[in-house]
Amino acid sequence: MEKKLVINADDFGLAPDINRGVIKCFKEGAVTDMSLLAAGASFEHAAGLAREHNINALGVHLALTCSFKPVSPEKDVPTLLGTNSVFPKNYKTFLTKYFAGLVKGEEISREFANQIARIKKEGFKITHVDSHQHVHMVPGILKILMKLAKDENIEYVRFPFEKIGFLKKLSAPPIWARNILLSSMCRLSKKSLDLAGIKHNNYFIGHASSHRLKERELDLIIAGLKEGLTEFACHPGYLTGDIRKKHPSHRNSEEELKILCGENFLKKINKQSIKLAPY
């Protein structure tokens, strides 16, 4: 079995400077796929850039957190919204509300369907689906998504199960704690994906290093890549003043852009006999 690597850029549609960075990495670098954020403030800008560069197939980056505005009319998804009629500010707030039984499953289904529909309406074929902060891996939410994936003939769903090394656990306890939560949900959900016949990646990179990726760390990951399909989720973009102010979590985006567009990175991948591919 060959080593196959999908390098997927998340948050396409978040902001113009992120969109431009994603497109640069796709056209000139190592990015092989991207996930379009239907709830993003710069969705139309991203869709226009994709068409301009003859991109007709991409993934869907579903969102229920981070203060995005819903694609659905507010009156149709009231339990998904917090203050100012936007989604909760982070996954912790959302999950607290969700597990307290304050979020209606039919509203999640409606919003996900409308996010997918918005992207399809722009004429794009959908290759795969994932989500902002991996909320789709909550077992009850995954059940909703699997039905939608079947209905919409979406072949792949991201499986963000990532093993992190001992040194990473010691050096970054918050990342370790977050990884335990996500890994637990992945373990609970994998059987459901397999029984439903929905395809997914075998391995995943990008949760532990999200928004803090460094070239040396990535070199070690690439060198240890296993046979099968690995997805590496990244967040390239241009770190302008507007991004620093509105999206501080993307502080490492330009560093990622430089790594992914670097000639040395592509050489390292080729040296390891890794096949780069889209979903």
Protein backbone atom coordinates (compact mmCIF):
# COMPACT_ATOMS: atom_id res chain seq x y z
CA MET A 1 0.00 0.00 0.00
CA GLU A 2 1.33 3.44 -0.91
CA LYS A 3 1.68 6.47 1.32
CA LYS A 4 -1.00 8.90 0.21
CA LEU A 5 -1.22 12.42 1.64
CA VAL A 6 -4.05 14.93 1.35
CA ILE A 7 -2.92 18.39 2.47
CA ASN A 8 -6.17 20.23 3.10
CA ALA A 9 -6.43 23.97 3.78
CA ASP A 10 -9.22 24.79 6.22
CA ASP A 11 -11.04 28.11 6.69
CA PHE A 12 -11.27 29.00 2.99
CA GLY A 13 -13.88 31.74 3.11
CA LEU A 14 -12.86 33.21 6.48
CA ALA A 15 -11.24 36.42 5.20
CA PRO A 16 -9.77 37.72 1.90
CA ASP A 17 -6.16 37.45 3.11
CA ILE A 18 -6.73 33.86 4.23
CA ASN A 19 -8.43 33.05 0.92
CA ARG A 20 -5.52 34.42 -1.11
CA GLY A 21 -3.04 32.41 0.93
CA VAL A 22 -5.02 29.20 0.46
CA ILE A 23 -5.19 29.73 -3.31
CA LYS A 24 -1.45 30.44 -3.51
CA CYS A 25 -0.66 27.22 -1.65
CA PHE A 26 -3.05 25.27 -3.87
CA LYS A 27 -1.67 26.64 -7.14
CA GLU A 28 2.02 26.94 -6.24
CA GLY A 29 2.62 24.76 -3.20
CA ALA A 30 1.78 21.49 -1.55
CA VAL A 31 -1.91 22.04 -0.70
CA THR A 32 -4.00 19.49 -2.62
CA ASP A 33 -7.50 20.27 -1.36
CA MET A 34 -9.41 22.91 0.58
CA SER A 35 -12.55 23.23 2.69
CA LEU A 36 -14.89 26.11 1.98
CA LEU A 37 -16.51 27.81 4.97
CA ALA A 38 -20.10 28.54 3.91
CA ALA A 39 -20.67 30.58 7.08
CA GLY A 40 -17.52 32.63 6.53
CA ALA A 41 -17.72 36.39 6.07
CA SER A 42 -15.68 36.11 2.85
CA PHE A 43 -17.49 33.15 1.32
CA GLU A 44 -18.30 34.94 -1.94
CA HIS A 45 -14.70 36.13 -2.27
CA ALA A 46 -13.43 32.58 -1.82
CA ALA A 47 -15.92 31.13 -4.30
CA GLY A 48 -14.91 33.74 -6.86
CA LEU A 49 -11.20 33.00 -6.41
CA ALA A 50 -11.83 29.27 -6.81
CA ARG A 51 -13.70 29.79 -10.08
CA GLU A 52 -11.04 32.22 -11.29
CA HIS A 53 -8.45 29.47 -10.85
CA ASN A 54 -10.62 26.75 -12.42
CA ILE A 55 -11.23 24.92 -9.16
CA ASN A 56 -14.54 23.08 -9.44
CA ALA A 57 -14.32 20.59 -6.57
CA LEU A 58 -13.60 21.19 -2.89
CA GLY A 59 -14.63 20.25 0.64
CA VAL A 60 -17.15 21.74 3.04
CA HIS A 61 -15.94 23.23 6.34
CA LEU A 62 -19.10 23.07 8.46
CA ALA A 63 -19.41 25.47 11.38
CA LEU A 64 -21.44 25.68 14.59
CA THR A 65 -18.97 27.71 16.69
CA CYS A 66 -16.65 30.74 16.69
CA SER A 67 -19.35 33.42 16.43
CA PHE A 68 -20.10 32.78 12.76
CA LYS A 69 -23.51 33.82 11.50
CA PRO A 70 -25.75 30.93 10.45
CA VAL A 71 -26.51 30.36 6.79
CA SER A 72 -30.09 29.53 7.79
CA PRO A 73 -32.59 32.24 8.77
CA GLU A 74 -32.16 32.94 12.50
CA LYS A 75 -35.75 31.95 13.25
CA ASP A 76 -35.05 28.45 11.89
CA VAL A 77 -32.06 27.69 14.16
CA PRO A 78 -32.64 29.55 17.47
CA THR A 79 -31.08 26.87 19.71
CA LEU A 80 -27.80 27.06 17.75
CA LEU A 81 -27.37 30.76 18.49
CA GLY A 82 -25.94 32.65 21.42
CA THR A 83 -25.76 36.38 21.96
CA ASN A 84 -25.94 38.70 18.94
CA SER A 85 -27.63 35.90 16.95
CA VAL A 86 -24.36 34.11 16.14
CA PHE A 87 -22.96 30.69 16.99
CA PRO A 88 -21.27 30.19 20.42
CA LYS A 89 -17.76 31.63 20.58
CA ASN A 90 -15.94 28.29 20.94
CA TYR A 91 -16.42 24.52 21.08
CA LYS A 92 -16.43 24.48 24.90
CA THR A 93 -19.43 26.79 25.06
CA PHE A 94 -21.18 24.89 22.29
CA LEU A 95 -20.57 21.45 23.82
CA THR A 96 -21.76 22.63 27.25
CA LYS A 97 -24.99 23.76 25.66
CA TYR A 98 -25.26 20.65 23.47
CA PHE A 99 -24.77 18.11 26.27
CA ALA A 100 -27.20 20.05 28.47
CA GLY A 101 -29.84 19.23 25.87
CA LEU A 102 -30.31 22.84 24.80
CA VAL A 103 -29.51 22.29 21.11
CA LYS A 104 -32.04 20.68 18.77
CA GLY A 105 -30.74 18.05 16.39
CA GLU A 106 -33.14 19.07 13.64
CA GLU A 107 -31.65 22.57 13.71
CA ILE A 108 -28.12 21.17 13.32
CA SER A 109 -29.35 19.10 10.37
CA ARG A 110 -31.04 22.15 8.82
CA GLU A 111 -27.99 24.37 9.22
CA PHE A 112 -25.56 21.74 7.90
CA ALA A 113 -27.83 21.10 4.91
CA ASN A 114 -28.03 24.82 4.17
CA GLN A 115 -24.26 25.25 4.42
CA ILE A 116 -23.76 22.37 1.98
CA ALA A 117 -26.47 23.76 -0.32
CA ARG A 118 -24.86 27.20 -0.38
CA ILE A 119 -21.63 25.70 -1.70
CA LYS A 120 -23.38 23.47 -4.24
CA LYS A 121 -25.36 26.47 -5.47
CA GLU A 122 -22.05 28.07 -6.48
CA GLY A 123 -21.48 25.14 -8.82
CA PHE A 124 -18.84 23.23 -6.86
CA LYS A 125 -18.63 19.46 -6.59
CA ILE A 126 -18.14 18.45 -2.95
CA THR A 127 -15.25 16.04 -2.38
CA HIS A 128 -15.38 15.74 1.39
CA VAL A 129 -16.75 17.30 4.56
CA ASP A 130 -15.12 18.35 7.82
CA SER A 131 -15.91 20.96 10.45
CA HIS A 132 -14.61 23.94 12.35
CA GLN A 133 -13.11 22.74 15.65
CA HIS A 134 -14.09 19.17 14.66
CA VAL A 135 -17.59 19.42 16.14
CA HIS A 136 -18.83 16.86 13.60
CA MET A 137 -17.14 14.11 15.62
CA VAL A 138 -19.59 14.44 18.54
CA PRO A 139 -21.42 11.10 18.12
CA GLY A 140 -24.93 12.60 17.90
CA ILE A 141 -23.80 15.25 15.44
CA LEU A 142 -21.89 12.71 13.36
CA LYS A 143 -25.09 10.69 12.98
CA ILE A 144 -26.77 13.78 11.49
CA LEU A 145 -23.81 14.42 9.20
CA MET A 146 -23.63 10.82 7.97
CA LYS A 147 -27.23 10.97 6.80
CA LEU A 148 -26.57 14.24 4.98
CA ALA A 149 -23.40 12.82 3.42
CA LYS A 150 -25.38 9.86 2.09
CA ASP A 151 -28.20 12.10 0.81
CA GLU A 152 -25.74 14.47 -0.90
CA ASN A 153 -23.43 11.71 -2.24
CA ILE A 154 -20.45 13.08 -0.33
CA GLU A 155 -17.85 10.31 -0.36
CA TYR A 156 -15.42 11.30 2.41
CA VAL A 157 -15.78 12.60 5.99
CA ARG A 158 -12.74 13.76 7.94
CA PHE A 159 -11.69 11.45 10.79
CA PRO A 160 -9.46 13.69 12.98
CA PHE A 161 -7.95 11.02 15.22
CA GLU A 162 -4.35 12.04 15.87
CA LYS A 163 -1.78 10.40 18.10
CA ILE A 164 0.61 12.88 19.69
CA GLY A 165 4.04 12.15 21.07
CA PHE A 166 5.03 12.02 24.71
CA LEU A 167 7.16 15.18 24.50
CA LYS A 168 4.25 17.12 22.99
CA LYS A 169 2.04 15.96 25.86
CA LEU A 170 4.57 17.16 28.43
CA SER A 171 5.33 20.47 26.73
CA ALA A 172 1.73 21.44 26.00
CA PRO A 173 -0.77 20.05 28.57
CA PRO A 174 -3.74 22.05 27.13
CA ILE A 175 -3.17 20.46 23.73
CA TRP A 176 -2.97 17.04 25.39
CA ALA A 177 -6.26 17.63 27.21
CA ARG A 178 -7.96 18.80 24.00
CA ASN A 179 -6.54 15.81 22.15
CA ILE A 180 -7.94 13.41 24.76
CA LEU A 181 -11.42 14.88 24.28
CA LEU A 182 -11.28 14.68 20.48
CA SER A 183 -9.70 11.22 20.47
CA SER A 184 -12.41 9.92 22.78
CA MET A 185 -15.12 11.17 20.44
CA CYS A 186 -13.29 9.67 17.45
CA ARG A 187 -13.08 6.27 19.12
CA LEU A 188 -16.80 6.36 19.87
CA SER A 189 -17.64 7.36 16.31
CA LYS A 190 -15.33 5.30 14.08
CA LYS A 191 -17.53 2.21 14.11
CA SER A 192 -20.52 4.30 13.02
CA LEU A 193 -18.59 5.66 10.04
CA ASP A 194 -17.43 2.21 9.00
CA LEU A 195 -20.86 0.61 9.38
CA ALA A 196 -22.40 3.40 7.28
CA GLY A 197 -19.87 2.73 4.52
CA ILE A 198 -18.58 6.29 4.59
CA LYS A 199 -14.96 6.66 3.56
CA HIS A 200 -12.47 8.52 5.73
CA ASN A 201 -8.77 9.07 6.11
CA ASN A 202 -6.70 6.42 7.93
CA TYR A 203 -4.50 8.92 9.74
CA PHE A 204 -4.68 12.60 10.62
CA ILE A 205 -2.21 15.42 11.23
CA GLY A 206 -3.05 18.95 12.27
CA HIS A 207 -4.97 18.96 15.52
CA ALA A 208 -1.99 19.10 17.89
CA SER A 209 -0.17 21.59 15.68
CA SER A 210 -3.20 23.67 14.70
CA HIS A 211 -2.16 27.33 14.26
CA ARG A 212 1.32 26.60 15.63
CA LEU A 213 2.93 24.43 12.96
CA LYS A 214 6.72 24.60 12.62
CA GLU A 215 8.79 23.22 9.76
CA ARG A 216 10.97 20.97 11.91
CA GLU A 217 7.93 19.36 13.49
CA LEU A 218 6.34 18.79 10.10
CA ASP A 219 9.57 17.25 8.77
CA LEU A 220 9.43 14.64 11.53
CA ILE A 221 5.77 13.91 10.82
CA ILE A 222 6.39 13.49 7.09
CA ALA A 223 9.37 11.20 7.74
CA GLY A 224 7.17 8.96 9.90
CA LEU A 225 4.17 8.85 7.57
CA LYS A 226 2.52 5.42 7.38
CA GLU A 227 1.06 3.56 4.42
CA GLY A 228 -2.54 4.46 3.73
CA LEU A 229 -4.40 7.78 3.45
CA THR A 230 -3.27 10.58 5.75
CA GLU A 231 -4.93 13.98 5.89
CA PHE A 232 -2.91 16.97 7.04
CA ALA A 233 -5.19 19.89 7.92
CA CYS A 234 -3.48 23.28 7.68
CA HIS A 235 -4.36 26.97 7.91
CA PRO A 236 -2.24 29.00 5.47
CA GLY A 237 -2.87 32.67 4.79
CA TYR A 238 -1.35 36.15 4.81
CA LEU A 239 -0.89 37.63 8.28
CA THR A 240 -2.06 41.18 7.67
CA GLY A 241 -3.12 43.67 10.32
CA ASP A 242 -6.76 42.82 9.69
CA ILE A 243 -6.12 39.12 10.33
CA ARG A 244 -4.14 39.86 13.50
CA LYS A 245 -7.04 41.92 14.81
CA LYS A 246 -10.06 39.85 13.77
CA HIS A 247 -8.59 36.33 13.72
CA PRO A 248 -5.69 36.16 16.20
CA SER A 249 -5.71 32.35 16.17
CA HIS A 250 -4.30 32.60 12.64
CA ARG A 251 -1.09 34.20 13.89
CA ASN A 252 0.95 31.34 12.38
CA SER A 253 -0.81 31.31 8.99
CA GLU A 254 1.90 33.07 7.01
CA GLU A 255 4.54 30.75 8.45
CA GLU A 256 2.45 27.80 7.24
CA LEU A 257 2.13 29.43 3.82
CA LYS A 258 5.91 29.72 3.54
CA ILE A 259 6.41 26.08 4.56
CA LEU A 260 3.78 24.72 2.17
CA CYS A 261 5.02 26.77 -0.77
CA GLY A 262 8.66 26.03 -0.05
CA GLU A 263 10.61 24.05 -2.63
CA ASN A 264 12.34 22.07 0.12
CA PHE A 265 9.06 20.83 1.54
CA LEU A 266 7.98 19.33 -1.77
CA LYS A 267 11.41 17.74 -2.19
CA LYS A 268 11.12 16.11 1.25
CA ILE A 269 7.73 14.66 0.33
CA ASN A 270 9.05 13.26 -2.95
CA LYS A 271 12.07 11.80 -1.18
CA GLN A 272 9.75 9.81 1.07
CA SER A 273 7.85 8.42 -1.96
CA ILE A 274 4.63 10.04 -0.75
CA LYS A 275 1.84 10.58 -3.25
CA LEU A 276 0.15 13.95 -2.86
CA ALA A 277 -3.54 13.85 -3.77
CA PRO A 278 -6.88 15.61 -3.29
CA TYR A 279 -9.86 13.82 -1.79
